[in-house]
């Protein structure tokens, strides 16, 4: 009978004696309290979200720091490798007792090629043969220095051309 009743009867008896301004004030205060509760709830949710994002940021910063450290170590290693490759023959780079095995392989390969060239040019051009012989002797000296740096293990000398052809 609430909607079908007259406006004076729709209001409960204790509230009929109150002034309408007082009732409006109470409803406004109630609405303000509800709004404050909603805003507090949103504030707490925002604070929780900010805390979660701060933790995520800290985790990402730590991961970036670790990646930067790894990159710095790799850069240092690369720098030491480049500096070692630029060091003169027979001089070991700091922290490295033996020459790079690639250097030994390259020197032996160069010796083999020069030896084959010497064998092929010795009869045709004595001057070129003599110059190649001098280069081979210098290269043998370099190989001895490298062998001494490696701890006395010299690479085996390349086989003469005749032995290589006989083996093939």
Protein backbone atom coordinates (compact mmCIF):
# COMPACT_ATOMS: atom_id res chain seq x y z
CA UNK A 1 0.00 0.00 0.00
CA UNK A 2 3.03 2.13 -0.15
CA UNK A 3 2.59 3.34 -3.71
CA UNK A 4 -1.17 3.58 -3.64
CA UNK A 5 -1.29 5.57 -0.40
CA UNK A 6 -1.34 9.30 -0.06
CA UNK A 7 2.05 11.02 0.34
CA UNK A 8 1.43 11.77 3.99
CA UNK A 9 0.75 8.10 4.71
CA UNK A 10 3.82 6.84 2.75
CA UNK A 11 6.19 8.23 5.34
CA UNK A 12 6.50 6.36 8.66
CA UNK A 13 4.91 8.03 11.64
CA UNK A 14 8.11 9.06 13.52
CA UNK A 15 9.47 10.80 10.40
CA UNK A 16 6.24 12.74 9.71
CA UNK A 17 6.96 15.08 12.60
CA UNK A 18 10.50 15.98 11.38
CA UNK A 19 11.18 18.99 9.27
CA UNK A 20 11.83 18.16 5.59
CA UNK A 21 15.18 20.04 5.72
CA UNK A 22 16.40 17.76 8.48
CA UNK A 23 15.43 14.69 6.48
CA UNK A 24 17.21 16.08 3.39
CA UNK A 25 20.28 16.78 5.51
CA UNK A 26 20.32 13.21 6.87
CA UNK A 27 19.97 11.76 3.37
CA UNK A 28 22.77 14.02 2.10
CA UNK A 29 25.03 12.90 4.97
CA UNK A 30 24.23 9.27 4.21
CA UNK A 31 25.04 9.82 0.53
CA UNK A 32 28.32 11.51 1.56
CA UNK A 33 29.27 8.54 3.76
CA UNK A 34 28.52 6.14 0.91
CA UNK A 35 30.64 8.24 -1.44
CA UNK A 36 33.47 8.30 1.12
CA UNK A 37 33.32 4.48 1.41
CA UNK A 38 33.43 4.11 -2.37
CA UNK A 39 36.38 6.50 -2.65
CA UNK A 40 38.22 4.73 0.18
CA UNK A 41 37.72 1.41 -1.57
CA UNK A 42 39.09 2.87 -4.83
CA UNK A 43 42.01 4.42 -2.97
CA UNK A 44 42.91 1.08 -1.39
CA UNK A 45 42.65 -0.65 -4.78
CA UNK A 46 44.91 2.02 -6.32
CA UNK A 47 47.44 1.66 -3.50
CA UNK A 48 47.48 -2.12 -3.95
CA UNK A 49 47.96 -1.70 -7.70
CA UNK A 50 50.79 0.80 -7.10
CA UNK A 51 52.47 -1.64 -4.69
CA UNK A 52 52.21 -4.45 -7.26
CA UNK A 53 53.69 -2.22 -9.97
CA UNK A 54 56.51 -1.15 -7.62
CA UNK A 55 57.40 -4.80 -6.98
CA UNK A 56 57.31 -5.52 -10.71
CA UNK A 57 59.55 -2.49 -11.38
CA UNK A 58 62.02 -3.65 -8.73
CA UNK A 59 62.11 -7.11 -10.29
CA UNK A 60 62.69 -5.67 -13.76
CA UNK A 61 65.42 -3.35 -12.46
CA UNK A 62 67.18 -6.28 -10.84
CA UNK A 63 66.91 -8.29 -14.07
CA UNK A 64 68.27 -5.34 -16.04
CA UNK A 65 71.14 -4.92 -13.57
CA UNK A 66 72.00 -8.61 -13.94
CA UNK A 67 71.84 -8.31 -17.74
CA UNK A 68 74.09 -5.23 -17.61
CA UNK A 69 76.57 -7.14 -15.43
CA UNK A 70 76.58 -10.07 -17.87
CA UNK A 71 77.02 -7.67 -20.78
CA UNK A 72 79.92 -5.95 -19.00
CA UNK A 73 81.59 -9.33 -18.39
CA UNK A 74 81.14 -10.30 -22.04
CA UNK A 75 82.48 -6.91 -23.12
CA UNK A 76 85.50 -7.34 -20.87
CA UNK A 77 86.10 -10.81 -22.30
CA UNK A 78 85.80 -9.49 -25.84
CA UNK A 79 88.18 -6.65 -25.04
CA UNK A 80 90.72 -9.07 -23.59
CA UNK A 81 90.44 -11.27 -26.68
CA UNK A 82 90.93 -8.31 -29.01
CA UNK A 83 93.82 -6.99 -26.94
CA UNK A 84 95.38 -10.45 -26.92
CA UNK A 85 95.10 -10.72 -30.70
CA UNK A 86 96.80 -7.33 -31.05
CA UNK A 87 99.70 -8.33 -28.79
CA UNK A 88 103.01 -9.03 -30.60
CA UNK A 89 104.01 -12.62 -31.23
CA UNK A 90 105.80 -14.27 -28.35
CA UNK A 91 104.35 -11.82 -25.80
CA UNK A 92 101.57 -13.34 -23.76
CA UNK A 93 98.66 -11.09 -22.89
CA UNK A 94 98.02 -10.52 -19.17
CA UNK A 95 96.23 -13.48 -17.64
CA UNK A 96 97.03 -15.72 -20.60
CA UNK A 97 99.99 -18.09 -20.49
CA UNK A 98 99.76 -19.66 -23.95
CA UNK A 99 99.11 -18.33 -27.43
CA UNK A 100 95.80 -18.89 -29.14
CA UNK A 101 95.65 -22.30 -30.89
CA UNK A 102 94.23 -20.55 -33.98
CA UNK A 103 97.51 -18.65 -34.28
CA UNK A 104 99.49 -21.88 -34.31
CA UNK A 105 97.20 -23.38 -36.96
CA UNK A 106 97.50 -20.27 -39.11
CA UNK A 107 101.27 -20.21 -38.82
CA UNK A 108 101.59 -23.90 -39.70
CA UNK A 109 99.23 -23.40 -42.64
CA UNK A 110 101.31 -20.43 -43.81
CA UNK A 111 104.50 -22.49 -43.47
CA UNK A 112 102.99 -25.29 -45.55
CA UNK A 113 101.94 -22.88 -48.30
CA UNK A 114 105.33 -21.14 -48.34
CA UNK A 115 107.10 -24.49 -48.44
CA UNK A 116 105.03 -25.63 -51.41
CA UNK A 117 105.64 -22.31 -53.17
CA UNK A 118 109.38 -22.60 -52.44
CA UNK A 119 109.48 -26.11 -53.88
CA UNK A 120 107.64 -25.05 -57.03
CA UNK A 121 109.72 -21.88 -57.66
CA UNK A 122 113.17 -23.08 -56.58
CA UNK A 123 114.16 -24.33 -60.07
CA UNK A 124 112.55 -21.52 -62.09
CA UNK A 125 113.69 -18.49 -60.10
CA UNK A 126 116.66 -18.88 -57.76
CA UNK A 127 116.18 -15.35 -56.36
CA UNK A 128 112.52 -16.05 -55.45
CA UNK A 129 113.56 -19.42 -54.00
CA UNK A 130 116.18 -17.71 -51.83
CA UNK A 131 113.69 -15.09 -50.60
CA UNK A 132 111.14 -17.80 -49.82
CA UNK A 133 113.84 -19.78 -47.99
CA UNK A 134 114.60 -16.71 -45.85
CA UNK A 135 110.88 -16.27 -45.14
CA UNK A 136 110.62 -19.94 -44.16
CA UNK A 137 113.55 -19.60 -41.74
CA UNK A 138 111.93 -16.52 -40.16
CA UNK A 139 108.63 -18.35 -39.90
CA UNK A 140 110.38 -21.31 -38.27
CA UNK A 141 111.81 -18.86 -35.70
CA UNK A 142 108.33 -17.52 -35.01
CA UNK A 143 107.03 -21.08 -34.63
CA UNK A 144 109.82 -21.79 -32.13
CA UNK A 145 108.86 -18.70 -30.09
CA UNK A 146 105.23 -19.78 -30.13
CA UNK A 147 106.24 -23.33 -29.17
CA UNK A 148 108.26 -21.96 -26.25
CA UNK A 149 105.25 -19.91 -25.15
CA UNK A 150 103.04 -23.01 -25.35
CA UNK A 151 105.34 -24.88 -23.02
CA UNK A 152 107.81 -26.50 -25.39
CA UNK A 153 105.33 -28.34 -27.56
CA UNK A 154 106.31 -27.42 -31.09
CA UNK A 155 103.93 -28.26 -33.91
CA UNK A 156 105.21 -30.97 -36.20
CA UNK A 157 107.02 -29.57 -39.23
CA UNK A 158 105.09 -29.91 -42.46
CA UNK A 159 106.03 -32.83 -44.61
CA UNK A 160 108.07 -32.14 -47.72
CA UNK A 161 106.13 -31.98 -50.94
CA UNK A 162 107.35 -35.40 -52.10
CA UNK A 163 106.07 -37.10 -48.93
CA UNK A 164 102.72 -35.37 -49.24
CA UNK A 165 102.36 -36.46 -52.86
CA UNK A 166 103.39 -40.03 -51.98
CA UNK A 167 100.84 -40.12 -49.18
CA UNK A 168 98.10 -38.98 -51.57
